[in-house]
Protein backbone atom coordinates (compact mmCIF):
# COMPACT_ATOMS: atom_id res chain seq x y z
CA MET A 1 0.17 0.37 0.19
CA ASN A 2 1.21 3.79 -0.93
CA GLN A 3 2.47 5.50 2.21
CA HIS A 4 0.52 8.71 0.98
CA ILE A 5 -3.33 9.82 0.90
CA LEU A 6 -2.29 12.10 -1.00
CA GLU A 7 0.35 12.84 -3.78
CA ILE A 8 1.09 16.62 -5.26
CA GLU A 9 3.46 16.92 -7.85
CA LYS A 10 4.25 20.44 -9.58
CA LEU A 11 0.72 21.35 -9.25
CA LYS A 12 0.37 24.75 -11.36
CA VAL A 13 -2.74 26.92 -10.63
CA SER A 14 -3.80 29.98 -13.30
CA PHE A 15 -6.72 32.67 -13.06
CA LYS A 16 -7.95 34.29 -16.01
CA LYS A 17 -8.67 38.18 -15.24
CA LYS A 18 -9.90 40.20 -18.59
CA SER A 19 -7.05 39.23 -21.41
CA GLU A 20 -4.81 38.37 -18.60
CA GLN A 21 -3.79 34.84 -16.92
CA HIS A 22 -2.16 35.68 -12.82
CA ILE A 23 -0.61 32.00 -11.43
CA ALA A 24 -1.46 31.83 -8.07
CA VAL A 25 0.20 28.27 -8.19
CA ASN A 26 3.65 27.71 -9.02
CA GLU A 27 4.71 24.27 -9.70
CA VAL A 28 3.65 22.76 -5.65
CA SER A 29 4.33 19.44 -4.91
CA LEU A 30 3.33 17.96 -1.77
CA GLN A 31 2.49 14.41 -0.09
CA VAL A 32 0.60 13.71 2.93
CA GLU A 33 1.28 9.94 4.27
CA ARG A 34 -1.67 8.25 5.80
CA GLY A 35 -2.53 9.12 9.34
CA GLN A 36 0.09 11.90 9.21
CA THR A 37 -1.09 16.06 9.94
CA VAL A 38 0.74 18.20 7.25
CA ALA A 39 0.62 21.94 7.68
CA LEU A 40 0.33 24.10 4.65
CA ILE A 41 1.09 27.79 6.48
CA GLY A 42 1.83 30.82 4.84
CA GLU A 43 -0.24 34.40 4.26
CA SER A 44 -3.46 35.43 2.58
CA GLY A 45 -2.88 34.77 -0.97
CA SER A 46 0.03 32.92 -0.60
CA GLY A 47 -1.93 30.23 -2.74
CA LYS A 48 -2.80 27.73 0.38
CA SER A 49 -6.37 27.64 -0.08
CA ILE A 50 -6.30 27.34 -3.96
CA THR A 51 -3.66 24.63 -3.17
CA SER A 52 -6.54 22.18 -1.33
CA LEU A 53 -9.60 23.90 -3.57
CA SER A 54 -7.21 22.10 -5.87
CA VAL A 55 -7.99 18.91 -4.77
CA LEU A 56 -11.60 18.69 -4.69
CA ASN A 57 -12.04 20.66 -7.94
CA LEU A 58 -13.66 23.42 -6.61
CA LEU A 59 -11.70 26.38 -8.27
CA PRO A 60 -14.03 29.76 -8.82
CA VAL A 61 -15.09 30.10 -12.55
CA ASN A 62 -12.60 31.31 -13.58
CA GLY A 63 -9.38 29.24 -12.40
CA PHE A 64 -7.92 26.27 -14.24
CA VAL A 65 -5.14 23.46 -13.13
CA GLU A 66 -2.96 24.00 -16.16
CA SER A 67 -0.12 21.12 -15.26
CA GLY A 68 0.53 18.84 -12.50
CA SER A 69 -0.98 15.65 -10.69
CA ILE A 70 -2.84 15.56 -7.78
CA ARG A 71 -3.15 11.44 -6.70
CA PHE A 72 -5.24 10.30 -4.09
CA ASP A 73 -4.90 7.00 -2.77
CA GLY A 74 -3.22 6.11 -5.75
CA LYS A 75 -5.92 8.03 -8.21
CA GLU A 76 -5.71 10.84 -10.15
CA LEU A 77 -8.06 13.41 -9.25
CA LEU A 78 -7.12 15.96 -12.47
CA THR A 79 -8.92 12.74 -14.43
CA TYR A 80 -12.08 12.42 -12.58
CA SER A 81 -15.22 14.68 -14.68
CA ASP A 82 -17.30 16.66 -12.32
CA LYS A 83 -19.82 13.60 -11.53
CA GLU A 84 -16.93 11.25 -10.21
CA MET A 85 -15.59 14.15 -8.14
CA ARG A 86 -19.12 14.33 -6.45
CA LYS A 87 -18.64 10.39 -4.50
CA ILE A 88 -15.39 11.93 -3.38
CA ARG A 89 -15.92 15.00 -1.88
CA GLY A 90 -17.53 14.71 1.65
CA ASN A 91 -16.63 10.48 1.44
CA GLU A 92 -13.99 10.07 0.57
CA ILE A 93 -11.99 13.30 1.33
CA SER A 94 -13.94 16.22 3.73
CA MET A 95 -13.49 19.83 3.93
CA ILE A 96 -13.85 21.98 6.48
CA PHE A 97 -13.87 25.72 5.70
CA GLN A 98 -12.98 28.51 7.75
CA ASP A 99 -16.22 30.71 7.00
CA ALA A 100 -18.81 28.56 9.13
CA ILE A 101 -21.48 30.98 8.54
CA ALA A 102 -21.12 30.88 4.83
CA SER A 103 -20.86 27.36 4.71
CA LEU A 104 -23.88 26.78 6.80
CA ASN A 105 -27.28 27.12 4.68
CA PRO A 106 -29.31 29.77 7.16
CA GLY A 107 -32.90 28.35 6.34
CA MET A 108 -31.65 24.39 7.24
CA LYS A 109 -31.97 23.12 10.87
CA VAL A 110 -27.68 21.54 11.00
CA GLY A 111 -28.63 18.11 12.44
CA ILE A 112 -29.51 17.91 9.12
CA GLN A 113 -27.48 19.77 7.37
CA ILE A 114 -24.91 17.06 9.64
CA THR A 115 -26.61 14.20 7.46
CA GLU A 116 -26.79 15.59 4.08
CA GLY A 117 -23.14 13.75 3.29
CA LEU A 118 -24.76 10.02 4.51
CA ARG A 119 -28.21 10.83 2.52
CA TYR A 120 -26.13 11.49 -0.29
CA HIS A 121 -23.89 8.55 0.00
CA ASN A 122 -26.22 6.16 0.82
CA LEU A 123 -24.02 5.39 3.53
CA ILE A 124 -27.08 4.86 6.15
CA PRO A 125 -30.37 3.73 6.11
CA LYS A 126 -32.64 6.77 6.37
CA PRO A 127 -34.37 6.03 9.85
CA ASP A 128 -31.51 6.14 11.31
CA LEU A 129 -29.88 9.58 10.28
CA LYS A 130 -31.35 11.12 13.24
CA SER A 131 -29.72 9.23 15.81
CA GLU A 132 -26.28 9.49 14.10
CA ALA A 133 -26.79 13.27 13.55
CA LEU A 134 -27.14 13.00 17.68
CA GLN A 135 -23.88 10.83 18.34
CA LEU A 136 -22.13 13.06 15.90
CA LEU A 137 -23.35 16.22 17.64
CA GLU A 138 -22.16 14.68 20.86
CA GLN A 139 -18.97 13.99 19.56
CA VAL A 140 -18.01 17.50 18.57
CA GLY A 141 -18.74 18.41 22.10
CA PHE A 142 -22.92 19.17 22.11
CA ASN A 143 -24.11 18.36 26.13
CA ASN A 144 -27.30 18.77 25.04
CA PRO A 145 -27.63 17.39 21.14
CA ALA A 146 -30.77 16.98 20.76
CA HIS A 147 -31.69 20.35 21.41
CA VAL A 148 -29.05 21.98 19.31
CA TYR A 149 -30.53 19.28 16.81
CA HIS A 150 -33.51 21.36 15.91
CA GLN A 151 -31.58 24.80 16.11
CA TYR A 152 -30.60 27.37 13.20
CA PRO A 153 -27.48 28.49 12.24
CA GLU A 154 -27.98 31.97 13.71
CA GLN A 155 -29.31 30.30 16.59
CA LEU A 156 -25.40 28.90 17.63
CA SER A 157 -22.27 31.39 18.44
CA GLY A 158 -19.33 30.88 16.17
CA GLY A 159 -17.32 27.74 18.06
CA MET A 160 -20.90 26.14 17.46
CA LYS A 161 -21.11 26.55 13.96
CA GLN A 162 -17.47 26.07 13.91
CA ARG A 163 -18.05 22.03 15.85
CA ILE A 164 -21.15 21.95 13.08
CA LEU A 165 -18.77 22.11 10.60
CA ILE A 166 -16.38 19.60 11.60
CA ALA A 167 -19.34 16.98 12.92
CA MET A 168 -20.00 17.20 9.01
CA ALA A 169 -16.77 16.71 8.11
CA MET A 170 -16.19 13.90 10.18
CA SER A 171 -19.77 11.86 8.82
CA CYS A 172 -18.52 9.70 5.95
CA LYS A 173 -15.57 9.33 7.90
CA PRO A 174 -13.38 10.23 4.94
CA LYS A 175 -9.91 9.07 5.10
CA LEU A 176 -8.39 12.99 4.23
CA ILE A 177 -10.03 15.51 6.04
CA ILE A 178 -8.56 19.27 4.72
CA ALA A 179 -9.46 21.79 7.52
CA ASP A 180 -8.29 25.44 6.27
CA GLU A 181 -8.21 27.94 8.82
CA PRO A 182 -10.77 26.15 10.51
CA THR A 183 -9.98 28.51 14.06
CA THR A 184 -10.42 31.83 11.81
CA SER A 185 -12.21 34.58 14.46
CA LEU A 186 -12.42 31.86 17.18
CA ASP A 187 -10.58 32.74 20.97
CA VAL A 188 -7.89 30.96 21.61
CA THR A 189 -10.41 28.26 23.66
CA ILE A 190 -12.72 27.40 21.55
CA GLN A 191 -9.36 27.37 18.89
CA ARG A 192 -8.01 24.88 21.30
CA GLN A 193 -11.30 22.19 21.14
CA VAL A 194 -11.83 22.43 17.50
CA LEU A 195 -8.62 21.51 16.60
CA ASP A 196 -8.36 18.99 19.25
CA LEU A 197 -11.66 17.47 17.83
CA ILE A 198 -9.25 16.95 14.38
CA ASP A 199 -6.64 15.65 16.29
CA GLN A 200 -8.80 13.22 18.16
CA TYR A 201 -10.59 11.98 15.21
CA LYS A 202 -7.10 11.80 12.89
CA THR A 203 -6.26 9.88 15.59
CA ASP A 204 -9.33 7.53 16.19
CA LEU A 205 -9.74 6.70 12.90
CA SER A 206 -6.13 6.59 11.43
CA ALA A 207 -7.33 8.99 8.69
CA SER A 208 -5.27 12.45 7.82
CA VAL A 209 -5.46 15.65 7.72
CA LEU A 210 -4.26 18.68 5.62
CA LEU A 211 -3.89 21.53 7.64
CA ILE A 212 -3.93 25.00 6.39
CA THR A 213 -2.97 27.87 8.54
CA HIS A 214 -0.68 31.22 8.93
CA ASP A 215 -0.43 30.14 12.77
CA PHE A 216 2.93 28.26 13.69
CA GLY A 217 1.70 28.11 17.18
CA VAL A 218 -0.74 25.85 15.94
CA VAL A 219 1.30 24.02 13.38
CA ALA A 220 3.81 23.14 16.64
CA GLU A 221 1.48 21.54 18.27
CA TYR A 222 -1.13 19.93 15.53
CA ALA A 223 1.52 19.07 12.63
CA ASP A 224 3.72 16.16 11.99
CA TRP A 225 5.08 17.86 8.76
CA VAL A 226 5.33 21.76 7.83
CA TYR A 227 5.07 23.09 3.95
CA VAL A 228 5.77 26.75 4.31
CA MET A 229 4.16 28.47 1.12
CA LEU A 230 4.70 31.68 -0.73
CA GLY A 231 4.08 33.82 -3.33
CA GLY A 232 2.60 30.40 -5.45
CA HIS A 233 5.47 28.33 -4.03
CA ILE A 234 6.86 26.47 -2.05
CA VAL A 235 9.83 27.67 -0.43
CA GLU A 236 10.88 25.46 2.75
CA SER A 237 9.57 21.84 3.88
CA ALA A 238 10.45 19.76 6.61
CA ASP A 239 8.85 17.45 10.11
CA VAL A 240 8.24 19.62 12.27
CA TYR A 241 10.89 19.02 14.87
CA THR A 242 13.54 20.54 11.58
CA ILE A 243 10.97 23.41 11.08
CA PHE A 244 11.76 25.06 14.54
CA LYS A 245 14.75 23.46 15.87
CA ASN A 246 16.87 24.69 12.04
CA PRO A 247 14.58 27.27 10.10
CA MET A 248 16.78 28.81 6.85
CA HIS A 249 14.24 30.58 4.79
CA PRO A 250 14.07 33.89 5.85
CA TYR A 251 10.49 33.52 5.49
CA THR A 252 9.76 30.70 7.98
CA LYS A 253 12.60 32.29 9.84
CA ALA A 254 9.90 35.39 9.65
CA LEU A 255 6.70 33.38 10.40
CA ILE A 256 8.84 31.72 13.82
CA GLY A 257 9.98 35.04 14.79
CA SER A 258 6.31 36.44 14.84
CA ILE A 259 4.56 34.24 17.15
CA PRO A 260 4.41 35.93 21.05
CA ASN A 261 6.49 34.94 23.80
CA PRO A 262 6.52 36.38 26.67
CA SER A 263 9.33 35.07 28.00
CA SER A 264 11.66 36.73 25.60
CA GLY A 265 11.35 39.82 26.94
CA GLN A 266 10.50 40.80 23.78
CA GLU A 267 8.74 45.13 23.23
CA ARG A 268 7.65 44.39 19.57
CA LEU A 269 7.11 41.23 17.72
CA LYS A 270 9.33 41.10 14.35
CA SER A 271 7.45 42.24 11.20
CA ILE A 272 7.32 40.75 7.65
CA GLN A 273 8.60 42.95 4.77
CA ASP A 274 6.26 42.29 1.21
CA TYR A 275 8.06 42.51 -1.87
CA PRO A 276 5.43 42.83 -4.55
CA LEU A 277 5.72 39.59 -6.52
CA GLU A 278 4.96 41.14 -10.08
CA SER A 279 8.62 42.73 -9.69
CA VAL A 280 10.15 39.87 -8.61
CA SER A 281 11.64 37.86 -11.71
CA ASN A 282 14.21 35.37 -9.31
CA ASP A 283 11.63 32.11 -7.84
CA GLY A 284 14.64 31.75 -5.24
CA ARG A 285 14.10 35.69 -3.85
CA ARG A 286 10.10 35.65 -3.14
CA PHE A 287 11.16 36.84 0.49
CA ALA A 288 14.87 37.79 1.33
CA PRO A 289 15.13 41.36 3.12
CA ASP A 290 18.67 42.51 3.41
CA THR A 291 17.47 43.31 6.73
CA TYR A 292 16.65 40.39 7.95
CA THR A 293 19.13 37.99 6.59
CA LYS A 294 23.05 38.23 5.74
CA GLU A 295 22.16 35.50 3.43
CA SER A 296 20.08 37.34 1.75
CA SER A 297 22.70 36.64 -1.93
CA PHE A 298 21.03 33.01 -1.29
CA PHE A 299 17.86 34.25 -2.05
CA ASP A 300 18.81 35.92 -5.08
CA THR A 301 18.87 32.96 -7.61
CA PRO A 302 16.57 31.25 -9.19
CA SER A 303 16.37 27.90 -7.67
CA SER A 304 14.37 24.85 -7.09
CA LEU A 305 14.12 22.71 -3.80
CA ILE A 306 16.96 21.97 -2.38
CA GLU A 307 18.18 19.52 0.28
CA VAL A 308 19.96 20.95 2.59
CA GLU A 309 19.87 18.27 5.12
CA PRO A 310 18.36 14.91 4.93
CA LEU A 311 14.38 15.44 4.43
CA HIS A 312 14.58 19.42 4.72
CA TYR A 313 14.12 21.50 1.40
CA VAL A 314 14.67 25.67 1.50
CA ARG A 315 14.43 27.12 -2.14
CA PHE A 316 17.53 28.54 -2.66
CA TYR A 317 20.98 27.89 -4.52
CA ASP A 318 24.74 27.70 -2.22
CA GLU A 319 26.75 26.17 -4.29
CA GLU A 320 29.04 25.65 -1.42
CA ARG A 321 26.95 23.04 0.54
CA LYS A 322 27.05 21.19 -2.60
CA VAL A 323 22.91 19.87 -2.37
CA THR A 324 20.77 18.29 -5.08
CA ALA A 325 18.22 20.37 -6.54
CA ILE A 326 14.79 18.02 -6.08
CA GLY A 327 12.37 19.59 -8.56
């Protein structure tokens, strides 16, 4: 059996705007192992969500995959028709969107919404749908599932809505959950509850999680492997321990440096200087302010991802290291 549940290779996604074409995801490759949580981290606009939407063929109408491969459980999804993808969505791959308000139907009771996937995929008999929904509501932390079952989304708090989305994502017991900024706008306590629920699901069912986030604090606690994304490119990847112990790309260092640390005595957090991507011609220098690193010249040369140490890849070129480009 292939150890990878999801394999993305050299994915290139573009958007058409009038007569112009803009690249949003550029030659992105990543893998998610079975039973693993992989974090895809980067700032807004880096291409994280577009990468995840490509997996489920949910790109906006003006977006399209130019080239590349997306294999799920050994199946090439880019060759699937929309009808075939509907059998995958919710059933084998579920997605937790960041905007619970937009994701839930305001005119439908949440109990009914939770079982939509089960009904569509005919996974359990219709008479058993309500009891399954009640069990899912209890599983995601509701003490009064019978009451919540009959409520509408507007009657629930933000954290409760997010737990409803998790129940929906878990309902069909998918092999892979894509969690796209699942804790946006939630307070710290609720954030932990939501992430713990996703992590517990992964453990209980030996499932996999692709966690999309901009928060390295979340990555440190929940991820096994990390891909750092900027300007449509992966700029660094390694296991979570290596990323924190030895970050090498200045963008990764800047993201880690922006994590609040009360014990450091630091009065101000590091800020990240943006470069207009249109004016940056070299893939290697998507982010490398001279003020942040003395080694910025390493990032001025166009490069592929380089294996700088075993299973630690960085997008720059340094001849002295005598390392090998991997793509």
